[in-house]
């Protein structure tokens, strides 16, 4: 029996409160793999758990944290042995069952992957769901014939966020030279240029442009992290046989568009579901993240201690980059 600390969210009168609680490992589910957590991170969905109206969490109290990396303590699956480094992103972690904001966690073995040896545990969480989602979107883009031309015009929306910044730096290091990035904060232009963009445009300028059924063919490939009206304004500007990888809804979940980009230009709109991505393909994506896609220029990374997590999660932020949480207080 081990006593450990977990961040627990409680809900009272539409107010969500984050507090630390002491728990015991025997109270965790009987089945699954017990992991001592080393690092977690903060994703957009993790922040939404602090808003009861978001609907992300159905039940409180709960421990969020959709990503974690750590060491196997005990396992009901011989494939995972004690002492091995494992990672988990998505599935129901931190949503349907308690997640990575705890010093110990227990999850089904099917949700786990062994850590790539090319990544440290901290680097694994620097990537997390954001890097994983960006990598899936990249694989969709890279399968298209237009990527044979590395000067093909590409667009990334929400480029200062986790998914957008990883998509940008990965595409740039793969040799693509004509990448446009959108941001709501033009003071981030130098940062985005360092990551590899050629052009930076304000998201508001994109939204104030007249919305036409079809417009100038400006982009062959798009990774859209925002959705809503932003995506609606992008589709008319897609080039013939272009592809949009949609992987976020920070700007809204409704899409008002016409069929013209699809039936007159052959545009493909593909959704990126990193939560339920097939396990058989996850290892391939993580191997790409550990090798060809591993950032040579990392986006902004802010490291915090587990003791700072409650305050961080309760504080609204629009800062660029990623937040990594060091859960293990012993090393």
C-alpha atoms as a PDB file:
ATOM      1  CA  UNK A   1       0.000   0.000   0.000  1.00  0.00           C
ATOM      2  CA  UNK A   2       1.320   3.434  -1.007  1.00  0.00           C
ATOM      3  CA  UNK A   3      -0.114   6.814  -0.068  1.00  0.00           C
ATOM      4  CA  UNK A   4       0.101   9.373  -2.859  1.00  0.00           C
ATOM      5  CA  UNK A   5      -1.059  12.840  -3.849  1.00  0.00           C
ATOM      6  CA  UNK A   6      -3.654  13.493  -6.532  1.00  0.00           C
ATOM      7  CA  UNK A   7      -5.228  16.678  -7.848  1.00  0.00           C
ATOM      8  CA  UNK A   8      -8.978  16.358  -7.356  1.00  0.00           C
ATOM      9  CA  UNK A   9     -11.638  18.581  -8.923  1.00  0.00           C
ATOM     10  CA  UNK A  10     -14.876  19.125  -7.028  1.00  0.00           C
ATOM     11  CA  UNK A  11     -18.014  20.829  -8.295  1.00  0.00           C
ATOM     12  CA  UNK A  12     -20.315  23.003  -6.191  1.00  0.00           C
ATOM     13  CA  UNK A  13     -22.870  25.531  -7.465  1.00  0.00           C
ATOM     14  CA  UNK A  14     -21.272  25.693 -10.940  1.00  0.00           C
ATOM     15  CA  UNK A  15     -17.862  26.378  -9.381  1.00  0.00           C
ATOM     16  CA  UNK A  16     -15.063  23.868  -9.946  1.00  0.00           C
ATOM     17  CA  UNK A  17     -12.295  23.779  -7.350  1.00  0.00           C
ATOM     18  CA  UNK A  18      -8.906  22.070  -7.710  1.00  0.00           C
ATOM     19  CA  UNK A  19      -7.367  20.702  -4.509  1.00  0.00           C
ATOM     20  CA  UNK A  20      -4.766  18.110  -3.569  1.00  0.00           C
ATOM     21  CA  UNK A  21      -5.879  14.963  -1.775  1.00  0.00           C
ATOM     22  CA  UNK A  22      -4.070  12.001  -0.266  1.00  0.00           C
ATOM     23  CA  UNK A  23      -5.128   8.643  -1.697  1.00  0.00           C
ATOM     24  CA  UNK A  24      -4.054   5.008  -1.349  1.00  0.00           C
ATOM     25  CA  UNK A  25      -3.037   2.745  -4.237  1.00  0.00           C
ATOM     26  CA  UNK A  26      -5.470  -0.064  -3.190  1.00  0.00           C
ATOM     27  CA  UNK A  27      -8.304   2.377  -3.922  1.00  0.00           C
ATOM     28  CA  UNK A  28      -7.351   2.397  -7.617  1.00  0.00           C
ATOM     29  CA  UNK A  29      -9.152   0.006 -10.027  1.00  0.00           C
ATOM     30  CA  UNK A  30      -8.314  -3.668  -9.449  1.00  0.00           C
ATOM     31  CA  UNK A  31      -7.541  -4.356 -13.112  1.00  0.00           C
ATOM     32  CA  UNK A  32      -5.026  -2.600 -15.305  1.00  0.00           C
ATOM     33  CA  UNK A  33      -1.438  -1.404 -15.121  1.00  0.00           C
ATOM     34  CA  UNK A  34      -0.277   0.588 -12.101  1.00  0.00           C
ATOM     35  CA  UNK A  35       2.086   3.396 -13.080  1.00  0.00           C
ATOM     36  CA  UNK A  36       4.151   5.793 -11.044  1.00  0.00           C
ATOM     37  CA  UNK A  37       3.715   9.042 -12.953  1.00  0.00           C
ATOM     38  CA  UNK A  38       6.801  11.072 -13.839  1.00  0.00           C
ATOM     39  CA  UNK A  39       5.371  13.868 -16.005  1.00  0.00           C
ATOM     40  CA  UNK A  40       2.069  15.117 -17.341  1.00  0.00           C
ATOM     41  CA  UNK A  41       1.116  18.237 -19.297  1.00  0.00           C
ATOM     42  CA  UNK A  42      -1.738  20.695 -19.735  1.00  0.00           C
ATOM     43  CA  UNK A  43      -3.921  20.458 -22.817  1.00  0.00           C
ATOM     44  CA  UNK A  44      -6.894  22.555 -23.890  1.00  0.00           C
ATOM     45  CA  UNK A  45      -9.220  19.783 -22.731  1.00  0.00           C
ATOM     46  CA  UNK A  46      -7.541  19.712 -19.312  1.00  0.00           C
ATOM     47  CA  UNK A  47      -8.282  23.405 -18.869  1.00  0.00           C
ATOM     48  CA  UNK A  48     -11.896  22.839 -19.908  1.00  0.00           C
ATOM     49  CA  UNK A  49     -12.355  20.493 -16.942  1.00  0.00           C
ATOM     50  CA  UNK A  50     -12.328  23.607 -14.752  1.00  0.00           C
ATOM     51  CA  UNK A  51     -15.511  24.777 -16.511  1.00  0.00           C
ATOM     52  CA  UNK A  52     -18.455  22.638 -15.432  1.00  0.00           C
ATOM     53  CA  UNK A  53     -20.506  23.933 -18.366  1.00  0.00           C
ATOM     54  CA  UNK A  54     -17.972  22.612 -20.884  1.00  0.00           C
ATOM     55  CA  UNK A  55     -19.324  19.099 -20.485  1.00  0.00           C
ATOM     56  CA  UNK A  56     -15.846  17.579 -20.642  1.00  0.00           C
ATOM     57  CA  UNK A  57     -16.290  15.937 -17.253  1.00  0.00           C
ATOM     58  CA  UNK A  58     -19.597  14.232 -16.587  1.00  0.00           C
ATOM     59  CA  UNK A  59     -18.898  13.413 -12.957  1.00  0.00           C
ATOM     60  CA  UNK A  60     -17.125  15.070 -10.061  1.00  0.00           C
ATOM     61  CA  UNK A  61     -14.959  14.583  -8.029  1.00  0.00           C
ATOM     62  CA  UNK A  62     -12.403  13.679 -10.678  1.00  0.00           C
ATOM     63  CA  UNK A  63      -8.677  13.778 -11.385  1.00  0.00           C
ATOM     64  CA  UNK A  64      -7.930  15.187 -14.855  1.00  0.00           C
ATOM     65  CA  UNK A  65      -4.786  14.817 -16.953  1.00  0.00           C
ATOM     66  CA  UNK A  66      -5.310  13.290 -20.400  1.00  0.00           C
ATOM     67  CA  UNK A  67      -1.574  12.611 -20.864  1.00  0.00           C
ATOM     68  CA  UNK A  68       1.091  11.054 -18.691  1.00  0.00           C
ATOM     69  CA  UNK A  69       4.395   9.225 -18.811  1.00  0.00           C
ATOM     70  CA  UNK A  70       5.792   7.071 -16.041  1.00  0.00           C
ATOM     71  CA  UNK A  71       7.134   3.744 -14.843  1.00  0.00           C
ATOM     72  CA  UNK A  72       5.235   0.467 -14.535  1.00  0.00           C
ATOM     73  CA  UNK A  73       4.837  -0.700 -10.929  1.00  0.00           C
ATOM     74  CA  UNK A  74       2.559  -3.718 -11.421  1.00  0.00           C
ATOM     75  CA  UNK A  75       0.865  -5.078 -14.532  1.00  0.00           C
ATOM     76  CA  UNK A  76      -1.885  -7.528 -15.449  1.00  0.00           C
ATOM     77  CA  UNK A  77      -0.410  -7.753 -18.964  1.00  0.00           C
ATOM     78  CA  UNK A  78       2.944  -9.552 -19.432  1.00  0.00           C
ATOM     79  CA  UNK A  79       3.753  -7.215 -22.328  1.00  0.00           C
ATOM     80  CA  UNK A  80       4.380  -4.445 -19.787  1.00  0.00           C
ATOM     81  CA  UNK A  81       6.948  -5.278 -17.128  1.00  0.00           C
ATOM     82  CA  UNK A  82       7.743  -3.518 -13.867  1.00  0.00           C
ATOM     83  CA  UNK A  83      10.274  -0.739 -14.366  1.00  0.00           C
ATOM     84  CA  UNK A  84       9.410  -0.043 -18.014  1.00  0.00           C
ATOM     85  CA  UNK A  85       8.674   3.476 -19.217  1.00  0.00           C
ATOM     86  CA  UNK A  86       5.159   3.830 -20.642  1.00  0.00           C
ATOM     87  CA  UNK A  87       3.084   6.677 -22.021  1.00  0.00           C
ATOM     88  CA  UNK A  88      -0.613   7.330 -22.383  1.00  0.00           C
ATOM     89  CA  UNK A  89      -2.507   9.959 -24.370  1.00  0.00           C
ATOM     90  CA  UNK A  90      -6.210  10.178 -25.055  1.00  0.00           C
ATOM     91  CA  UNK A  91      -8.732   7.369 -24.693  1.00  0.00           C
ATOM     92  CA  UNK A  92     -10.636   8.075 -21.465  1.00  0.00           C
ATOM     93  CA  UNK A  93      -7.681   9.133 -19.346  1.00  0.00           C
ATOM     94  CA  UNK A  94      -8.592  12.088 -17.160  1.00  0.00           C
ATOM     95  CA  UNK A  95     -12.141  12.040 -18.512  1.00  0.00           C
ATOM     96  CA  UNK A  96     -13.891   8.731 -17.883  1.00  0.00           C
ATOM     97  CA  UNK A  97     -11.294   7.540 -15.346  1.00  0.00           C
ATOM     98  CA  UNK A  98      -8.818   9.409 -13.156  1.00  0.00           C
ATOM     99  CA  UNK A  99      -5.902  10.722 -15.164  1.00  0.00           C
ATOM    100  CA  UNK A 100      -2.302  11.796 -14.980  1.00  0.00           C
ATOM    101  CA  UNK A 101      -2.554  14.566 -12.389  1.00  0.00           C
ATOM    102  CA  UNK A 102      -1.651  12.093  -9.664  1.00  0.00           C
ATOM    103  CA  UNK A 103       1.534  10.434  -8.465  1.00  0.00           C
ATOM    104  CA  UNK A 104       0.044   7.018  -9.266  1.00  0.00           C
ATOM    105  CA  UNK A 105      -2.500   6.041 -11.905  1.00  0.00           C
ATOM    106  CA  UNK A 106      -4.015   2.775 -13.113  1.00  0.00           C
ATOM    107  CA  UNK A 107      -5.268   2.336 -16.676  1.00  0.00           C
ATOM    108  CA  UNK A 108      -6.124  -0.527 -19.047  1.00  0.00           C
ATOM    109  CA  UNK A 109      -3.034  -1.973 -20.707  1.00  0.00           C
ATOM    110  CA  UNK A 110      -4.583  -1.354 -24.156  1.00  0.00           C
ATOM    111  CA  UNK A 111      -4.222   2.377 -23.562  1.00  0.00           C
ATOM    112  CA  UNK A 112      -0.467   2.232 -23.015  1.00  0.00           C
ATOM    113  CA  UNK A 113       2.564   2.346 -25.274  1.00  0.00           C
ATOM    114  CA  UNK A 114       6.178   1.738 -24.400  1.00  0.00           C
ATOM    115  CA  UNK A 115       8.164   4.970 -24.539  1.00  0.00           C
ATOM    116  CA  UNK A 116      10.358   5.445 -27.619  1.00  0.00           C
ATOM    117  CA  UNK A 117      13.978   5.206 -26.525  1.00  0.00           C
ATOM    118  CA  UNK A 118      14.810   8.349 -28.533  1.00  0.00           C
ATOM    119  CA  UNK A 119      12.640  10.508 -26.241  1.00  0.00           C
ATOM    120  CA  UNK A 120      13.181  11.349 -22.594  1.00  0.00           C
ATOM    121  CA  UNK A 121      10.079  11.207 -20.371  1.00  0.00           C
ATOM    122  CA  UNK A 122      10.049  15.004 -20.259  1.00  0.00           C
ATOM    123  CA  UNK A 123      10.259  15.281 -24.059  1.00  0.00           C
ATOM    124  CA  UNK A 124       7.422  12.777 -24.331  1.00  0.00           C
ATOM    125  CA  UNK A 125       5.164  15.116 -22.369  1.00  0.00           C
ATOM    126  CA  UNK A 126       6.472  18.183 -24.163  1.00  0.00           C
ATOM    127  CA  UNK A 127       4.866  16.526 -27.173  1.00  0.00           C
ATOM    128  CA  UNK A 128       1.877  14.851 -25.517  1.00  0.00           C
ATOM    129  CA  UNK A 129      -1.526  15.025 -27.179  1.00  0.00           C
ATOM    130  CA  UNK A 130      -0.554  18.249 -28.963  1.00  0.00           C
ATOM    131  CA  UNK A 131       2.436  16.734 -30.739  1.00  0.00           C
ATOM    132  CA  UNK A 132       0.579  13.484 -31.334  1.00  0.00           C
ATOM    133  CA  UNK A 133      -2.351  15.312 -32.952  1.00  0.00           C
ATOM    134  CA  UNK A 134      -0.043  17.441 -35.088  1.00  0.00           C
ATOM    135  CA  UNK A 135       1.816  14.332 -36.259  1.00  0.00           C
ATOM    136  CA  UNK A 136      -1.405  12.581 -37.308  1.00  0.00           C
ATOM    137  CA  UNK A 137      -2.434  15.677 -39.259  1.00  0.00           C
ATOM    138  CA  UNK A 138       0.996  15.807 -40.913  1.00  0.00           C
ATOM    139  CA  UNK A 139       0.710  12.219 -42.093  1.00  0.00           C
ATOM    140  CA  UNK A 140      -2.585  13.102 -43.793  1.00  0.00           C
ATOM    141  CA  UNK A 141      -0.985  16.093 -45.514  1.00  0.00           C
ATOM    142  CA  UNK A 142       2.176  14.243 -46.538  1.00  0.00           C
ATOM    143  CA  UNK A 143       0.199  11.559 -48.382  1.00  0.00           C
ATOM    144  CA  UNK A 144      -1.053  14.163 -50.864  1.00  0.00           C
ATOM    145  CA  UNK A 145       0.664  14.575 -54.250  1.00  0.00           C
ATOM    146  CA  UNK A 146       0.997  18.343 -53.786  1.00  0.00           C
ATOM    147  CA  UNK A 147       3.623  17.807 -51.048  1.00  0.00           C
ATOM    148  CA  UNK A 148       6.144  16.698 -53.683  1.00  0.00           C
ATOM    149  CA  UNK A 149       6.618  20.443 -54.149  1.00  0.00           C
ATOM    150  CA  UNK A 150       8.121  21.763 -50.922  1.00  0.00           C
ATOM    151  CA  UNK A 151       7.134  25.311 -51.897  1.00  0.00           C
ATOM    152  CA  UNK A 152       3.446  24.384 -51.990  1.00  0.00           C
ATOM    153  CA  UNK A 153       1.389  26.933 -50.009  1.00  0.00           C
ATOM    154  CA  UNK A 154       0.379  25.561 -46.612  1.00  0.00           C
ATOM    155  CA  UNK A 155      -1.632  27.151 -43.797  1.00  0.00           C
ATOM    156  CA  UNK A 156      -1.693  26.481 -40.058  1.00  0.00           C
ATOM    157  CA  UNK A 157      -4.320  28.163 -37.898  1.00  0.00           C
ATOM    158  CA  UNK A 158      -3.878  28.844 -34.209  1.00  0.00           C
ATOM    159  CA  UNK A 159      -0.151  28.469 -34.715  1.00  0.00           C
ATOM    160  CA  UNK A 160       0.905  29.635 -31.250  1.00  0.00           C
ATOM    161  CA  UNK A 161      -1.079  26.839 -29.589  1.00  0.00           C
ATOM    162  CA  UNK A 162       0.263  23.382 -28.854  1.00  0.00           C
ATOM    163  CA  UNK A 163      -0.955  21.569 -31.973  1.00  0.00           C
ATOM    164  CA  UNK A 164      -0.338  24.517 -34.281  1.00  0.00           C
ATOM    165  CA  UNK A 165       3.194  25.230 -33.084  1.00  0.00           C
ATOM    166  CA  UNK A 166       4.207  21.582 -33.446  1.00  0.00           C
ATOM    167  CA  UNK A 167       2.650  21.330 -36.902  1.00  0.00           C
ATOM    168  CA  UNK A 168       4.569  24.436 -37.933  1.00  0.00           C
ATOM    169  CA  UNK A 169       7.998  23.400 -36.676  1.00  0.00           C
ATOM    170  CA  UNK A 170       7.615  19.838 -38.000  1.00  0.00           C
ATOM    171  CA  UNK A 171       6.606  20.963 -41.495  1.00  0.00           C
ATOM    172  CA  UNK A 172       9.448  23.486 -41.581  1.00  0.00           C
ATOM    173  CA  UNK A 173      12.108  20.948 -40.620  1.00  0.00           C
ATOM    174  CA  UNK A 174      10.750  18.581 -43.291  1.00  0.00           C
ATOM    175  CA  UNK A 175      11.700  21.244 -45.820  1.00  0.00           C
ATOM    176  CA  UNK A 176       8.435  23.055 -46.542  1.00  0.00           C
ATOM    177  CA  UNK A 177       9.216  26.698 -47.233  1.00  0.00           C
ATOM    178  CA  UNK A 178       5.866  28.377 -47.929  1.00  0.00           C
ATOM    179  CA  UNK A 179       3.938  28.087 -44.667  1.00  0.00           C
ATOM    180  CA  UNK A 180       1.448  30.720 -43.530  1.00  0.00           C
ATOM    181  CA  UNK A 181       0.473  30.859 -39.862  1.00  0.00           C
ATOM    182  CA  UNK A 182      -2.477  32.585 -38.231  1.00  0.00           C
ATOM    183  CA  UNK A 183      -2.514  34.050 -34.748  1.00  0.00           C
ATOM    184  CA  UNK A 184      -4.736  36.373 -32.743  1.00  0.00           C
ATOM    185  CA  UNK A 185      -1.615  38.015 -31.325  1.00  0.00           C
ATOM    186  CA  UNK A 186       0.684  39.533 -33.939  1.00  0.00           C
ATOM    187  CA  UNK A 187       3.283  40.214 -31.244  1.00  0.00           C
ATOM    188  CA  UNK A 188       4.078  36.492 -31.656  1.00  0.00           C
ATOM    189  CA  UNK A 189       5.250  37.028 -35.246  1.00  0.00           C
ATOM    190  CA  UNK A 190       8.966  36.683 -34.438  1.00  0.00           C
ATOM    191  CA  UNK A 191       8.292  33.493 -32.473  1.00  0.00           C
ATOM    192  CA  UNK A 192       6.334  31.967 -35.349  1.00  0.00           C
ATOM    193  CA  UNK A 193       9.040  32.982 -37.805  1.00  0.00           C
ATOM    194  CA  UNK A 194      11.607  31.146 -35.672  1.00  0.00           C
ATOM    195  CA  UNK A 195       9.420  28.034 -35.855  1.00  0.00           C
ATOM    196  CA  UNK A 196       9.408  28.218 -39.652  1.00  0.00           C
ATOM    197  CA  UNK A 197       6.550  30.280 -41.013  1.00  0.00           C
ATOM    198  CA  UNK A 198       7.022  32.495 -44.049  1.00  0.00           C
ATOM    199  CA  UNK A 199       3.902  34.608 -43.550  1.00  0.00           C
ATOM    200  CA  UNK A 200       1.878  35.530 -40.466  1.00  0.00           C
ATOM    201  CA  UNK A 201      -1.680  36.806 -40.696  1.00  0.00           C
ATOM    202  CA  UNK A 202      -4.054  37.917 -37.972  1.00  0.00           C
ATOM    203  CA  UNK A 203      -6.946  35.561 -37.340  1.00  0.00           C
ATOM    204  CA  UNK A 204      -9.285  38.569 -37.191  1.00  0.00           C
ATOM    205  CA  UNK A 205      -8.192  39.625 -40.695  1.00  0.00           C
ATOM    206  CA  UNK A 206      -9.106  36.167 -41.923  1.00  0.00           C
ATOM    207  CA  UNK A 207     -12.539  36.452 -40.323  1.00  0.00           C
ATOM    208  CA  UNK A 208     -13.293  39.948 -41.621  1.00  0.00           C
ATOM    209  CA  UNK A 209     -12.613  39.031 -45.250  1.00  0.00           C
ATOM    210  CA  UNK A 210     -15.808  38.687 -47.314  1.00  0.00           C
ATOM    211  CA  UNK A 211     -17.116  35.125 -47.099  1.00  0.00           C
ATOM    212  CA  UNK A 212     -17.616  33.868 -50.656  1.00  0.00           C
ATOM    213  CA  UNK A 213     -18.557  30.379 -51.869  1.00  0.00           C
ATOM    214  CA  UNK A 214     -15.213  30.285 -53.700  1.00  0.00           C
ATOM    215  CA  UNK A 215     -12.220  32.609 -53.607  1.00  0.00           C
ATOM    216  CA  UNK A 216      -8.622  32.724 -54.829  1.00  0.00           C
ATOM    217  CA  UNK A 217      -6.910  29.322 -54.638  1.00  0.00           C
ATOM    218  CA  UNK A 218      -4.436  30.217 -51.896  1.00  0.00           C
ATOM    219  CA  UNK A 219      -3.621  26.992 -50.010  1.00  0.00           C
ATOM    220  CA  UNK A 220      -3.090  23.366 -50.965  1.00  0.00           C
ATOM    221  CA  UNK A 221      -2.844  21.998 -47.432  1.00  0.00           C
ATOM    222  CA  UNK A 222      -4.232  23.286 -44.142  1.00  0.00           C
ATOM    223  CA  UNK A 223      -3.958  22.130 -40.541  1.00  0.00           C
ATOM    224  CA  UNK A 224      -6.820  23.866 -38.763  1.00  0.00           C
ATOM    225  CA  UNK A 225      -6.830  23.854 -34.969  1.00  0.00           C
ATOM    226  CA  UNK A 226      -9.670  26.347 -34.533  1.00  0.00           C
ATOM    227  CA  UNK A 227     -12.781  25.209 -36.429  1.00  0.00           C
ATOM    228  CA  UNK A 228     -15.948  27.316 -36.492  1.00  0.00           C
ATOM    229  CA  UNK A 229     -15.948  30.494 -38.561  1.00  0.00           C
ATOM    230  CA  UNK A 230     -12.193  30.246 -39.126  1.00  0.00           C
ATOM    231  CA  UNK A 231     -12.580  26.958 -40.968  1.00  0.00           C
ATOM    232  CA  UNK A 232     -15.590  28.327 -42.847  1.00  0.00           C
ATOM    233  CA  UNK A 233     -13.473  31.236 -44.122  1.00  0.00           C
ATOM    234  CA  UNK A 234     -10.597  28.953 -45.149  1.00  0.00           C
ATOM    235  CA  UNK A 235     -12.491  26.456 -47.299  1.00  0.00           C
ATOM    236  CA  UNK A 236     -13.250  28.902 -50.165  1.00  0.00           C
ATOM    237  CA  UNK A 237      -9.506  29.620 -50.447  1.00  0.00           C
ATOM    238  CA  UNK A 238      -8.495  26.001 -50.932  1.00  0.00           C
ATOM    239  CA  UNK A 239      -6.669  25.067 -54.124  1.00  0.00           C
ATOM    240  CA  UNK A 240      -7.721  22.310 -56.495  1.00  0.00           C
ATOM    241  CA  UNK A 241      -7.438  18.871 -54.827  1.00  0.00           C
ATOM    242  CA  UNK A 242      -6.315  20.458 -51.574  1.00  0.00           C
ATOM    243  CA  UNK A 243      -6.733  18.942 -48.125  1.00  0.00           C
ATOM    244  CA  UNK A 244      -7.790  20.399 -44.785  1.00  0.00           C
ATOM    245  CA  UNK A 245      -7.001  18.472 -41.603  1.00  0.00           C
ATOM    246  CA  UNK A 246      -9.438  19.677 -38.928  1.00  0.00           C
ATOM    247  CA  UNK A 247      -8.281  18.991 -35.376  1.00  0.00           C
ATOM    248  CA  UNK A 248      -9.803  21.581 -33.066  1.00  0.00           C
ATOM    249  CA  UNK A 249     -12.842  23.666 -32.179  1.00  0.00           C
ATOM    250  CA  UNK A 250     -11.402  26.537 -30.120  1.00  0.00           C
ATOM    251  CA  UNK A 251     -13.226  29.002 -32.417  1.00  0.00           C
ATOM    252  CA  UNK A 252     -16.488  27.054 -32.437  1.00  0.00           C
ATOM    253  CA  UNK A 253     -18.002  23.706 -33.340  1.00  0.00           C
ATOM    254  CA  UNK A 254     -20.463  24.835 -36.012  1.00  0.00           C
ATOM    255  CA  UNK A 255     -19.408  24.968 -39.666  1.00  0.00           C
ATOM    256  CA  UNK A 256     -21.288  27.182 -42.122  1.00  0.00           C
ATOM    257  CA  UNK A 257     -20.057  26.449 -45.631  1.00  0.00           C
ATOM    258  CA  UNK A 258     -21.127  25.437 -49.125  1.00  0.00           C
ATOM    259  CA  UNK A 259     -20.459  22.297 -51.115  1.00  0.00           C
ATOM    260  CA  UNK A 260     -18.540  24.220 -53.794  1.00  0.00           C
ATOM    261  CA  UNK A 261     -14.989  23.686 -52.469  1.00  0.00           C
ATOM    262  CA  UNK A 262     -15.715  19.961 -52.423  1.00  0.00           C
ATOM    263  CA  UNK A 263     -17.572  19.452 -55.704  1.00  0.00           C
ATOM    264  CA  UNK A 264     -15.849  22.104 -57.835  1.00  0.00           C
ATOM    265  CA  UNK A 265     -12.288  21.863 -56.527  1.00  0.00           C
ATOM    266  CA  UNK A 266     -12.132  18.345 -55.122  1.00  0.00           C
ATOM    267  CA  UNK A 267     -11.146  19.584 -51.672  1.00  0.00           C
ATOM    268  CA  UNK A 268     -10.907  16.981 -48.911  1.00  0.00           C
ATOM    269  CA  UNK A 269     -11.878  17.805 -45.327  1.00  0.00           C
ATOM    270  CA  UNK A 270     -10.525  15.161 -42.956  1.00  0.00           C
ATOM    271  CA  UNK A 271     -11.075  15.046 -39.212  1.00  0.00           C
ATOM    272  CA  UNK A 272      -8.221  14.228 -36.822  1.00  0.00           C
ATOM    273  CA  UNK A 273      -9.349  12.157 -33.839  1.00  0.00           C
ATOM    274  CA  UNK A 274      -6.294  11.732 -31.642  1.00  0.00           C
ATOM    275  CA  UNK A 275      -8.339  10.493 -28.668  1.00  0.00           C
ATOM    276  CA  UNK A 276      -9.509   7.253 -30.284  1.00  0.00           C
ATOM    277  CA  UNK A 277      -6.709   6.846 -32.820  1.00  0.00           C
ATOM    278  CA  UNK A 278      -6.196   3.106 -33.470  1.00  0.00           C
ATOM    279  CA  UNK A 279      -3.670   1.558 -31.135  1.00  0.00           C
ATOM    280  CA  UNK A 280      -1.990  -0.352 -33.968  1.00  0.00           C
ATOM    281  CA  UNK A 281      -1.111   2.981 -35.609  1.00  0.00           C
ATOM    282  CA  UNK A 282      -0.121   4.869 -32.464  1.00  0.00           C
ATOM    283  CA  UNK A 283       3.301   3.249 -32.229  1.00  0.00           C
ATOM    284  CA  UNK A 284       4.094   4.382 -35.775  1.00  0.00           C
ATOM    285  CA  UNK A 285       3.107   7.973 -34.987  1.00  0.00           C
ATOM    286  CA  UNK A 286       5.173   8.033 -31.799  1.00  0.00           C
ATOM    287  CA  UNK A 287       8.152   6.603 -33.657  1.00  0.00           C
ATOM    288  CA  UNK A 288       7.850   9.476 -36.131  1.00  0.00           C
ATOM    289  CA  UNK A 289       7.691  11.909 -33.211  1.00  0.00           C
ATOM    290  CA  UNK A 290      10.866  10.359 -31.823  1.00  0.00           C
ATOM    291  CA  UNK A 291      12.745  10.533 -35.140  1.00  0.00           C
ATOM    292  CA  UNK A 292      11.759  12.402 -38.327  1.00  0.00           C
ATOM    293  CA  UNK A 293       9.156  14.608 -36.630  1.00  0.00           C
ATOM    294  CA  UNK A 294      11.104  15.272 -33.424  1.00  0.00           C
ATOM    295  CA  UNK A 295      11.367  19.053 -33.191  1.00  0.00           C
ATOM    296  CA  UNK A 296      14.762  20.506 -33.918  1.00  0.00           C
ATOM    297  CA  UNK A 297      13.322  23.807 -32.701  1.00  0.00           C
ATOM    298  CA  UNK A 298      11.009  23.178 -29.763  1.00  0.00           C
ATOM    299  CA  UNK A 299       8.027  25.465 -29.269  1.00  0.00           C
ATOM    300  CA  UNK A 300       7.903  27.434 -26.038  1.00  0.00           C
ATOM    301  CA  UNK A 301       7.886  24.998 -23.119  1.00  0.00           C
ATOM    302  CA  UNK A 302       7.061  26.068 -19.580  1.00  0.00           C
ATOM    303  CA  UNK A 303       7.864  23.598 -16.810  1.00  0.00           C
ATOM    304  CA  UNK A 304       5.962  23.641 -13.526  1.00  0.00           C
ATOM    305  CA  UNK A 305       5.995  21.519 -10.378  1.00  0.00           C
ATOM    306  CA  UNK A 306       3.073  19.340  -9.315  1.00  0.00           C
ATOM    307  CA  UNK A 307       2.528  21.739  -6.406  1.00  0.00           C
ATOM    308  CA  UNK A 308       1.891  24.567  -8.905  1.00  0.00           C
ATOM    309  CA  UNK A 309      -0.648  22.650 -10.981  1.00  0.00           C
ATOM    310  CA  UNK A 310      -3.807  23.601  -9.056  1.00  0.00           C
ATOM    311  CA  UNK A 311      -3.063  27.311  -9.433  1.00  0.00           C
ATOM    312  CA  UNK A 312      -2.011  26.956 -13.069  1.00  0.00           C
ATOM    313  CA  UNK A 313      -5.135  25.028 -14.007  1.00  0.00           C
ATOM    314  CA  UNK A 314      -7.351  27.599 -12.286  1.00  0.00           C
ATOM    315  CA  UNK A 315      -5.738  30.548 -14.090  1.00  0.00           C
ATOM    316  CA  UNK A 316      -7.022  31.410 -17.592  1.00  0.00           C
ATOM    317  CA  UNK A 317      -4.156  31.769 -20.035  1.00  0.00           C
ATOM    318  CA  UNK A 318      -3.522  32.507 -23.685  1.00  0.00           C
ATOM    319  CA  UNK A 319       0.226  32.030 -23.516  1.00  0.00           C
ATOM    320  CA  UNK A 320       1.951  30.432 -26.474  1.00  0.00           C
ATOM    321  CA  UNK A 321       3.474  26.981 -26.315  1.00  0.00           C
ATOM    322  CA  UNK A 322       3.102  24.127 -23.843  1.00  0.00           C
ATOM    323  CA  UNK A 323       3.055  23.516 -20.097  1.00  0.00           C
ATOM    324  CA  UNK A 324       4.764  20.377 -18.750  1.00  0.00           C
ATOM    325  CA  UNK A 325       4.051  19.227 -15.187  1.00  0.00           C
ATOM    326  CA  UNK A 326       6.678  17.340 -13.178  1.00  0.00           C
ATOM    327  CA  UNK A 327       4.568  14.946 -11.114  1.00  0.00           C
ATOM    328  CA  UNK A 328       7.365  12.865  -9.573  1.00  0.00           C
ATOM    329  CA  UNK A 329       8.672  14.823  -6.594  1.00  0.00           C
ATOM    330  CA  UNK A 330      11.406  12.320  -5.708  1.00  0.00           C
ATOM    331  CA  UNK A 331      13.730  12.891  -8.678  1.00  0.00           C
END
